[in-house]
Amino acid sequence: MHRRTGHTFAQLARIINQIVRGWLQYYGAFYRSAPKPLLRRINAYLVRWIRRKYKRLAGFKKSKECFLGITKRYPGMIAHWRLCRNFW
C-alpha cells in the first residue's frame, strides 16, 4: 500500500475500505478489540505512504501531523476512522 504513490489518498481509501469493512464486520462480531493491532498497522502504512508521496513530509513528525489532520478533517474517509480517529 505504501508504494502506491501514484494514487491519491481518496483512491487508496476506496481500495482498502472494502477490505477493512469486512474485517471489522467479521472480527467485530466476536471480539471488538481483536483488529486493533491490524488497524494501527494500516494507519502506519498510510503515514508511510504520506512520507513517500510528499517529500516535504518525509520526517516522521511532519507526516504524523499531516495524517492526524486528515483524520480530523475527513473522519469517514477510511472505514475504521469512524470508530476511533486517534488510533495511533
PDB file of N, CA and C in Angstrom:
ATOM      1  N   MET A   1       0.827  -1.190   0.000  1.00  0.00           N
ATOM      2  CA  MET A   1       0.000   0.000   0.000  1.00  0.00           C
ATOM      3  C   MET A   1       0.872   1.255   0.000  1.00  0.00           C
ATOM      4  N   HIS A   2       1.939   1.269   0.761  1.00  0.00           N
ATOM      5  CA  HIS A   2       2.754   2.470   0.865  1.00  0.00           C
ATOM      6  C   HIS A   2       3.549   2.754  -0.405  1.00  0.00           C
ATOM      7  N   ARG A   3       3.597   1.816  -1.321  1.00  0.00           N
ATOM      8  CA  ARG A   3       4.327   2.025  -2.564  1.00  0.00           C
ATOM      9  C   ARG A   3       3.444   2.544  -3.691  1.00  0.00           C
ATOM     10  N   ARG A   4       2.188   2.718  -3.456  1.00  0.00           N
ATOM     11  CA  ARG A   4       1.265   3.202  -4.475  1.00  0.00           C
ATOM     12  C   ARG A   4       1.223   4.722  -4.466  1.00  0.00           C
ATOM     13  N   THR A   5       2.342   5.344  -4.706  1.00  0.00           N
ATOM     14  CA  THR A   5       2.415   6.798  -4.637  1.00  0.00           C
ATOM     15  C   THR A   5       1.771   7.471  -5.837  1.00  0.00           C
ATOM     16  N   GLY A   6       1.425   6.713  -6.857  1.00  0.00           N
ATOM     17  CA  GLY A   6       0.734   7.283  -8.000  1.00  0.00           C
ATOM     18  C   GLY A   6      -0.736   7.520  -7.731  1.00  0.00           C
ATOM     19  N   HIS A   7      -1.262   6.950  -6.667  1.00  0.00           N
ATOM     20  CA  HIS A   7      -2.674   7.109  -6.315  1.00  0.00           C
ATOM     21  C   HIS A   7      -2.850   8.316  -5.397  1.00  0.00           C
ATOM     22  N   THR A   8      -4.077   8.826  -5.375  1.00  0.00           N
ATOM     23  CA  THR A   8      -4.401   9.859  -4.404  1.00  0.00           C
ATOM     24  C   THR A   8      -4.862   9.184  -3.117  1.00  0.00           C
ATOM     25  N   PHE A   9      -5.011   9.987  -2.076  1.00  0.00           N
ATOM     26  CA  PHE A   9      -5.455   9.427  -0.798  1.00  0.00           C
ATOM     27  C   PHE A   9      -6.868   8.866  -0.916  1.00  0.00           C
ATOM     28  N   ALA A  10      -7.710   9.525  -1.698  1.00  0.00           N
ATOM     29  CA  ALA A  10      -9.079   9.048  -1.894  1.00  0.00           C
ATOM     30  C   ALA A  10      -9.101   7.710  -2.625  1.00  0.00           C
ATOM     31  N   GLN A  11      -8.214   7.538  -3.597  1.00  0.00           N
ATOM     32  CA  GLN A  11      -8.136   6.265  -4.302  1.00  0.00           C
ATOM     33  C   GLN A  11      -7.671   5.149  -3.372  1.00  0.00           C
ATOM     34  N   LEU A  12      -6.695   5.441  -2.528  1.00  0.00           N
ATOM     35  CA  LEU A  12      -6.247   4.452  -1.544  1.00  0.00           C
ATOM     36  C   LEU A  12      -7.377   4.084  -0.598  1.00  0.00           C
ATOM     37  N   ALA A  13      -8.126   5.077  -0.170  1.00  0.00           N
ATOM     38  CA  ALA A  13      -9.244   4.818   0.736  1.00  0.00           C
ATOM     39  C   ALA A  13     -10.268   3.902   0.078  1.00  0.00           C
ATOM     40  N   ARG A  14     -10.554   4.141  -1.192  1.00  0.00           N
ATOM     41  CA  ARG A  14     -11.510   3.310  -1.903  1.00  0.00           C
ATOM     42  C   ARG A  14     -11.018   1.869  -2.027  1.00  0.00           C
ATOM     43  N   ILE A  15      -9.725   1.690  -2.206  1.00  0.00           N
ATOM     44  CA  ILE A  15      -9.151   0.352  -2.346  1.00  0.00           C
ATOM     45  C   ILE A  15      -9.241  -0.422  -1.027  1.00  0.00           C
ATOM     46  N   ILE A  16      -8.858   0.214   0.075  1.00  0.00           N
ATOM     47  CA  ILE A  16      -8.758  -0.537   1.326  1.00  0.00           C
ATOM     48  C   ILE A  16     -10.045  -0.550   2.151  1.00  0.00           C
ATOM     49  N   ASN A  17     -10.994   0.336   1.843  1.00  0.00           N
ATOM     50  CA  ASN A  17     -12.217   0.395   2.648  1.00  0.00           C
ATOM     51  C   ASN A  17     -13.018  -0.894   2.617  1.00  0.00           C
ATOM     52  N   GLN A  18     -13.149  -1.500   1.469  1.00  0.00           N
ATOM     53  CA  GLN A  18     -13.923  -2.732   1.370  1.00  0.00           C
ATOM     54  C   GLN A  18     -13.302  -3.832   2.219  1.00  0.00           C
ATOM     55  N   ILE A  19     -12.004  -3.924   2.184  1.00  0.00           N
ATOM     56  CA  ILE A  19     -11.301  -4.959   2.947  1.00  0.00           C
ATOM     57  C   ILE A  19     -11.442  -4.703   4.436  1.00  0.00           C
ATOM     58  N   VAL A  20     -11.220  -3.454   4.849  1.00  0.00           N
ATOM     59  CA  VAL A  20     -11.279  -3.108   6.270  1.00  0.00           C
ATOM     60  C   VAL A  20     -12.696  -3.282   6.808  1.00  0.00           C
ATOM     61  N   ARG A  21     -13.705  -2.912   6.046  1.00  0.00           N
ATOM     62  CA  ARG A  21     -15.087  -3.104   6.487  1.00  0.00           C
ATOM     63  C   ARG A  21     -15.390  -4.579   6.723  1.00  0.00           C
ATOM     64  N   GLY A  22     -14.912  -5.426   5.831  1.00  0.00           N
ATOM     65  CA  GLY A  22     -15.125  -6.862   6.003  1.00  0.00           C
ATOM     66  C   GLY A  22     -14.455  -7.384   7.254  1.00  0.00           C
ATOM     67  N   TRP A  23     -13.224  -6.954   7.502  1.00  0.00           N
ATOM     68  CA  TRP A  23     -12.513  -7.383   8.714  1.00  0.00           C
ATOM     69  C   TRP A  23     -13.248  -6.927   9.961  1.00  0.00           C
ATOM     70  N   LEU A  24     -13.714  -5.670   9.942  1.00  0.00           N
ATOM     71  CA  LEU A  24     -14.410  -5.140  11.110  1.00  0.00           C
ATOM     72  C   LEU A  24     -15.726  -5.859  11.361  1.00  0.00           C
ATOM     73  N   GLN A  25     -16.430  -6.204  10.309  1.00  0.00           N
ATOM     74  CA  GLN A  25     -17.691  -6.930  10.489  1.00  0.00           C
ATOM     75  C   GLN A  25     -17.444  -8.332  11.030  1.00  0.00           C
ATOM     76  N   TYR A  26     -16.425  -8.989  10.506  1.00  0.00           N
ATOM     77  CA  TYR A  26     -16.157 -10.356  10.939  1.00  0.00           C
ATOM     78  C   TYR A  26     -15.603 -10.400  12.353  1.00  0.00           C
ATOM     79  N   TYR A  27     -14.510  -9.678  12.587  1.00  0.00           N
ATOM     80  CA  TYR A  27     -13.882  -9.723  13.905  1.00  0.00           C
ATOM     81  C   TYR A  27     -14.664  -8.954  14.954  1.00  0.00           C
ATOM     82  N   GLY A  28     -15.354  -7.895  14.537  1.00  0.00           N
ATOM     83  CA  GLY A  28     -16.131  -7.099  15.475  1.00  0.00           C
ATOM     84  C   GLY A  28     -17.319  -7.845  16.045  1.00  0.00           C
ATOM     85  N   ALA A  29     -17.779  -8.836  15.318  1.00  0.00           N
ATOM     86  CA  ALA A  29     -18.919  -9.615  15.813  1.00  0.00           C
ATOM     87  C   ALA A  29     -18.519 -10.488  16.989  1.00  0.00           C
ATOM     88  N   PHE A  30     -17.259 -10.888  17.057  1.00  0.00           N
ATOM     89  CA  PHE A  30     -16.824 -11.803  18.101  1.00  0.00           C
ATOM     90  C   PHE A  30     -16.018 -11.117  19.201  1.00  0.00           C
ATOM     91  N   TYR A  31     -15.066 -10.300  18.781  1.00  0.00           N
ATOM     92  CA  TYR A  31     -14.154  -9.712  19.748  1.00  0.00           C
ATOM     93  C   TYR A  31     -13.747  -8.351  19.210  1.00  0.00           C
ATOM     94  N   ARG A  32     -14.356  -7.303  19.738  1.00  0.00           N
ATOM     95  CA  ARG A  32     -14.213  -5.974  19.157  1.00  0.00           C
ATOM     96  C   ARG A  32     -12.797  -5.413  19.149  1.00  0.00           C
ATOM     97  N   SER A  33     -12.001  -5.767  20.115  1.00  0.00           N
ATOM     98  CA  SER A  33     -10.657  -5.193  20.162  1.00  0.00           C
ATOM     99  C   SER A  33      -9.628  -6.043  19.431  1.00  0.00           C
ATOM    100  N   ALA A  34     -10.029  -7.144  18.837  1.00  0.00           N
ATOM    101  CA  ALA A  34      -9.085  -8.017  18.137  1.00  0.00           C
ATOM    102  C   ALA A  34      -8.404  -7.338  16.944  1.00  0.00           C
ATOM    103  N   PRO A  35      -9.117  -6.563  16.119  1.00  0.00           N
ATOM    104  CA  PRO A  35      -8.434  -5.979  14.956  1.00  0.00           C
ATOM    105  C   PRO A  35      -7.642  -4.704  15.249  1.00  0.00           C
ATOM    106  N   LYS A  36      -7.564  -4.270  16.504  1.00  0.00           N
ATOM    107  CA  LYS A  36      -6.855  -3.018  16.799  1.00  0.00           C
ATOM    108  C   LYS A  36      -5.403  -3.005  16.326  1.00  0.00           C
ATOM    109  N   PRO A  37      -4.610  -4.049  16.573  1.00  0.00           N
ATOM    110  CA  PRO A  37      -3.233  -4.018  16.063  1.00  0.00           C
ATOM    111  C   PRO A  37      -3.168  -3.936  14.535  1.00  0.00           C
ATOM    112  N   LEU A  38      -4.079  -4.592  13.871  1.00  0.00           N
ATOM    113  CA  LEU A  38      -4.124  -4.546  12.419  1.00  0.00           C
ATOM    114  C   LEU A  38      -4.486  -3.147  11.932  1.00  0.00           C
ATOM    115  N   LEU A  39      -5.438  -2.515  12.580  1.00  0.00           N
ATOM    116  CA  LEU A  39      -5.857  -1.177  12.174  1.00  0.00           C
ATOM    117  C   LEU A  39      -4.763  -0.148  12.452  1.00  0.00           C
ATOM    118  N   ARG A  40      -4.025  -0.340  13.522  1.00  0.00           N
ATOM    119  CA  ARG A  40      -2.872   0.528  13.785  1.00  0.00           C
ATOM    120  C   ARG A  40      -1.832   0.376  12.683  1.00  0.00           C
ATOM    121  N   ARG A  41      -1.659  -0.850  12.221  1.00  0.00           N
ATOM    122  CA  ARG A  41      -0.687  -1.113  11.155  1.00  0.00           C
ATOM    123  C   ARG A  41      -1.121  -0.458   9.851  1.00  0.00           C
ATOM    124  N   ILE A  42      -2.418  -0.459   9.580  1.00  0.00           N
ATOM    125  CA  ILE A  42      -2.922   0.220   8.380  1.00  0.00           C
ATOM    126  C   ILE A  42      -2.629   1.709   8.472  1.00  0.00           C
ATOM    127  N   ASN A  43      -2.839   2.294   9.649  1.00  0.00           N
ATOM    128  CA  ASN A  43      -2.509   3.713   9.835  1.00  0.00           C
ATOM    129  C   ASN A  43      -1.025   3.970   9.643  1.00  0.00           C
ATOM    130  N   ALA A  44      -0.186   3.056  10.115  1.00  0.00           N
ATOM    131  CA  ALA A  44       1.261   3.209   9.940  1.00  0.00           C
ATOM    132  C   ALA A  44       1.628   3.175   8.456  1.00  0.00           C
ATOM    133  N   TYR A  45       0.971   2.301   7.699  1.00  0.00           N
ATOM    134  CA  TYR A  45       1.231   2.258   6.264  1.00  0.00           C
ATOM    135  C   TYR A  45       0.748   3.519   5.567  1.00  0.00           C
ATOM    136  N   LEU A  46      -0.345   4.099   6.035  1.00  0.00           N
ATOM    137  CA  LEU A  46      -0.817   5.350   5.446  1.00  0.00           C
ATOM    138  C   LEU A  46       0.160   6.492   5.731  1.00  0.00           C
ATOM    139  N   VAL A  47       0.727   6.516   6.935  1.00  0.00           N
ATOM    140  CA  VAL A  47       1.745   7.526   7.245  1.00  0.00           C
ATOM    141  C   VAL A  47       2.971   7.305   6.368  1.00  0.00           C
ATOM    142  N   ARG A  48       3.339   6.065   6.155  1.00  0.00           N
ATOM    143  CA  ARG A  48       4.478   5.760   5.278  1.00  0.00           C
ATOM    144  C   ARG A  48       4.182   6.192   3.853  1.00  0.00           C
ATOM    145  N   TRP A  49       2.929   6.031   3.419  1.00  0.00           N
ATOM    146  CA  TRP A  49       2.538   6.481   2.087  1.00  0.00           C
ATOM    147  C   TRP A  49       2.689   7.993   1.975  1.00  0.00           C
ATOM    148  N   ILE A  50       2.268   8.718   3.006  1.00  0.00           N
ATOM    149  CA  ILE A  50       2.409  10.181   3.009  1.00  0.00           C
ATOM    150  C   ILE A  50       3.876  10.563   2.904  1.00  0.00           C
ATOM    151  N   ARG A  51       4.727   9.857   3.620  1.00  0.00           N
ATOM    152  CA  ARG A  51       6.158  10.172   3.607  1.00  0.00           C
ATOM    153  C   ARG A  51       6.779   9.946   2.230  1.00  0.00           C
ATOM    154  N   ARG A  52       6.327   8.918   1.530  1.00  0.00           N
ATOM    155  CA  ARG A  52       6.869   8.642   0.202  1.00  0.00           C
ATOM    156  C   ARG A  52       6.271   9.541  -0.875  1.00  0.00           C
ATOM    157  N   LYS A  53       5.012   9.865  -0.754  1.00  0.00           N
ATOM    158  CA  LYS A  53       4.322  10.668  -1.763  1.00  0.00           C
ATOM    159  C   LYS A  53       4.773  12.126  -1.728  1.00  0.00           C
ATOM    160  N   TYR A  54       4.869  12.685  -0.539  1.00  0.00           N
ATOM    161  CA  TYR A  54       5.203  14.094  -0.377  1.00  0.00           C
ATOM    162  C   TYR A  54       6.563  14.214   0.302  1.00  0.00           C
ATOM    163  N   LYS A  55       7.559  14.576  -0.453  1.00  0.00           N
ATOM    164  CA  LYS A  55       8.928  14.612   0.066  1.00  0.00           C
ATOM    165  C   LYS A  55       9.104  15.663   1.158  1.00  0.00           C
ATOM    166  N   ARG A  56       8.315  16.718   1.138  1.00  0.00           N
ATOM    167  CA  ARG A  56       8.442  17.725   2.192  1.00  0.00           C
ATOM    168  C   ARG A  56       7.928  17.214   3.533  1.00  0.00           C
ATOM    169  N   LEU A  57       7.179  16.114   3.509  1.00  0.00           N
ATOM    170  CA  LEU A  57       6.668  15.494   4.730  1.00  0.00           C
ATOM    171  C   LEU A  57       7.430  14.210   5.049  1.00  0.00           C
ATOM    172  N   ALA A  58       8.674  14.126   4.624  1.00  0.00           N
ATOM    173  CA  ALA A  58       9.455  12.902   4.796  1.00  0.00           C
ATOM    174  C   ALA A  58       9.804  12.643   6.259  1.00  0.00           C
ATOM    175  N   GLY A  59       9.835  13.673   7.080  1.00  0.00           N
ATOM    176  CA  GLY A  59      10.091  13.468   8.502  1.00  0.00           C
ATOM    177  C   GLY A  59       8.891  12.833   9.179  1.00  0.00           C
ATOM    178  N   PHE A  60       9.151  11.990  10.158  1.00  0.00           N
ATOM    179  CA  PHE A  60       8.064  11.264  10.802  1.00  0.00           C
ATOM    180  C   PHE A  60       7.097  12.203  11.502  1.00  0.00           C
ATOM    181  N   LYS A  61       7.610  13.198  12.188  1.00  0.00           N
ATOM    182  CA  LYS A  61       6.749  14.106  12.941  1.00  0.00           C
ATOM    183  C   LYS A  61       5.823  14.891  12.009  1.00  0.00           C
ATOM    184  N   LYS A  62       6.360  15.382  10.891  1.00  0.00           N
ATOM    185  CA  LYS A  62       5.542  16.134   9.943  1.00  0.00           C
ATOM    186  C   LYS A  62       4.493  15.249   9.288  1.00  0.00           C
ATOM    187  N   SER A  63       4.879  14.044   8.927  1.00  0.00           N
ATOM    188  CA  SER A  63       3.921  13.155   8.270  1.00  0.00           C
ATOM    189  C   SER A  63       2.833  12.709   9.242  1.00  0.00           C
ATOM    190  N   LYS A  64       3.185  12.513  10.504  1.00  0.00           N
ATOM    191  CA  LYS A  64       2.187  12.132  11.505  1.00  0.00           C
ATOM    192  C   LYS A  64       1.205  13.276  11.743  1.00  0.00           C
ATOM    193  N   GLU A  65       1.693  14.505  11.801  1.00  0.00           N
ATOM    194  CA  GLU A  65       0.812  15.659  11.959  1.00  0.00           C
ATOM    195  C   GLU A  65      -0.126  15.795  10.768  1.00  0.00           C
ATOM    196  N   CYS A  66       0.387  15.556   9.575  1.00  0.00           N
ATOM    197  CA  CYS A  66      -0.439  15.600   8.377  1.00  0.00           C
ATOM    198  C   CYS A  66      -1.510  14.516   8.430  1.00  0.00           C
ATOM    199  N   PHE A  67      -1.129  13.321   8.851  1.00  0.00           N
ATOM    200  CA  PHE A  67      -2.068  12.210   8.964  1.00  0.00           C
ATOM    201  C   PHE A  67      -3.163  12.518   9.982  1.00  0.00           C
ATOM    202  N   LEU A  68      -2.785  13.050  11.130  1.00  0.00           N
ATOM    203  CA  LEU A  68      -3.776  13.398  12.152  1.00  0.00           C
ATOM    204  C   LEU A  68      -4.706  14.508  11.666  1.00  0.00           C
ATOM    205  N   GLY A  69      -4.171  15.441  10.877  1.00  0.00           N
ATOM    206  CA  GLY A  69      -5.009  16.484  10.294  1.00  0.00           C
ATOM    207  C   GLY A  69      -6.025  15.916   9.313  1.00  0.00           C
ATOM    208  N   ILE A  70      -5.600  14.938   8.519  1.00  0.00           N
ATOM    209  CA  ILE A  70      -6.518  14.288   7.580  1.00  0.00           C
ATOM    210  C   ILE A  70      -7.623  13.553   8.334  1.00  0.00           C
ATOM    211  N   THR A  71      -7.257  12.870   9.414  1.00  0.00           N
ATOM    212  CA  THR A  71      -8.271  12.129  10.176  1.00  0.00           C
ATOM    213  C   THR A  71      -9.276  13.071  10.825  1.00  0.00           C
ATOM    214  N   LYS A  72      -8.849  14.275  11.188  1.00  0.00           N
ATOM    215  CA  LYS A  72      -9.784  15.241  11.784  1.00  0.00           C
ATOM    216  C   LYS A  72     -10.677  15.877  10.731  1.00  0.00           C
ATOM    217  N   ARG A  73     -10.109  16.174   9.558  1.00  0.00           N
ATOM    218  CA  ARG A  73     -10.892  16.811   8.504  1.00  0.00           C
ATOM    219  C   ARG A  73     -11.861  15.851   7.827  1.00  0.00           C
ATOM    220  N   TYR A  74     -11.435  14.609   7.635  1.00  0.00           N
ATOM    221  CA  TYR A  74     -12.250  13.622   6.924  1.00  0.00           C
ATOM    222  C   TYR A  74     -12.405  12.365   7.782  1.00  0.00           C
ATOM    223  N   PRO A  75     -13.215  12.399   8.822  1.00  0.00           N
ATOM    224  CA  PRO A  75     -13.300  11.255   9.732  1.00  0.00           C
ATOM    225  C   PRO A  75     -13.946  10.017   9.122  1.00  0.00           C
ATOM    226  N   GLY A  76     -14.640  10.149   8.020  1.00  0.00           N
ATOM    227  CA  GLY A  76     -15.294   8.997   7.416  1.00  0.00           C
ATOM    228  C   GLY A  76     -14.579   8.441   6.199  1.00  0.00           C
ATOM    229  N   MET A  77     -13.395   8.944   5.901  1.00  0.00           N
ATOM    230  CA  MET A  77     -12.714   8.526   4.676  1.00  0.00           C
ATOM    231  C   MET A  77     -12.297   7.055   4.715  1.00  0.00           C
ATOM    232  N   ILE A  78     -11.729   6.606   5.808  1.00  0.00           N
ATOM    233  CA  ILE A  78     -11.343   5.204   5.972  1.00  0.00           C
ATOM    234  C   ILE A  78     -12.324   4.587   6.970  1.00  0.00           C
ATOM    235  N   ALA A  79     -12.694   3.346   6.722  1.00  0.00           N
ATOM    236  CA  ALA A  79     -13.780   2.714   7.481  1.00  0.00           C
ATOM    237  C   ALA A  79     -13.527   2.695   8.988  1.00  0.00           C
ATOM    238  N   HIS A  80     -12.321   2.417   9.421  1.00  0.00           N
ATOM    239  CA  HIS A  80     -12.092   2.292  10.862  1.00  0.00           C
ATOM    240  C   HIS A  80     -11.892   3.634  11.548  1.00  0.00           C
ATOM    241  N   TRP A  81     -11.787   4.718  10.802  1.00  0.00           N
ATOM    242  CA  TRP A  81     -11.668   6.030  11.436  1.00  0.00           C
ATOM    243  C   TRP A  81     -12.979   6.455  12.066  1.00  0.00           C
ATOM    244  N   ARG A  82     -14.079   5.912  11.619  1.00  0.00           N
ATOM    245  CA  ARG A  82     -15.377   6.254  12.220  1.00  0.00           C
ATOM    246  C   ARG A  82     -15.454   5.764  13.654  1.00  0.00           C
ATOM    247  N   LEU A  83     -14.803   4.636  13.909  1.00  0.00           N
ATOM    248  CA  LEU A  83     -14.833   4.069  15.264  1.00  0.00           C
ATOM    249  C   LEU A  83     -13.971   4.887  16.208  1.00  0.00           C
ATOM    250  N   CYS A  84     -12.758   5.135  15.819  1.00  0.00           N
ATOM    251  CA  CYS A  84     -11.874   5.966  16.644  1.00  0.00           C
ATOM    252  C   CYS A  84     -10.807   6.580  15.754  1.00  0.00           C
ATOM    253  N   ARG A  85     -10.692   7.876  15.805  1.00  0.00           N
ATOM    254  CA  ARG A  85      -9.745   8.594  14.956  1.00  0.00           C
ATOM    255  C   ARG A  85      -8.328   8.532  15.512  1.00  0.00           C
ATOM    256  N   ASN A  86      -8.180   8.524  16.794  1.00  0.00           N
ATOM    257  CA  ASN A  86      -6.848   8.542  17.411  1.00  0.00           C
ATOM    258  C   ASN A  86      -6.326   7.127  17.597  1.00  0.00           C
ATOM    259  N   PHE A  87      -6.234   6.420  16.533  1.00  0.00           N
ATOM    260  CA  PHE A  87      -5.796   5.023  16.536  1.00  0.00           C
ATOM    261  C   PHE A  87      -4.313   4.980  16.288  1.00  0.00           C
ATOM    262  N   TRP A  88      -3.562   5.609  17.090  1.00  0.00           N
ATOM    263  CA  TRP A  88      -2.140   5.694  16.838  1.00  0.00           C
ATOM    264  C   TRP A  88      -1.404   4.969  17.844  1.00  0.00           C
TER     265      TRP A  88
END
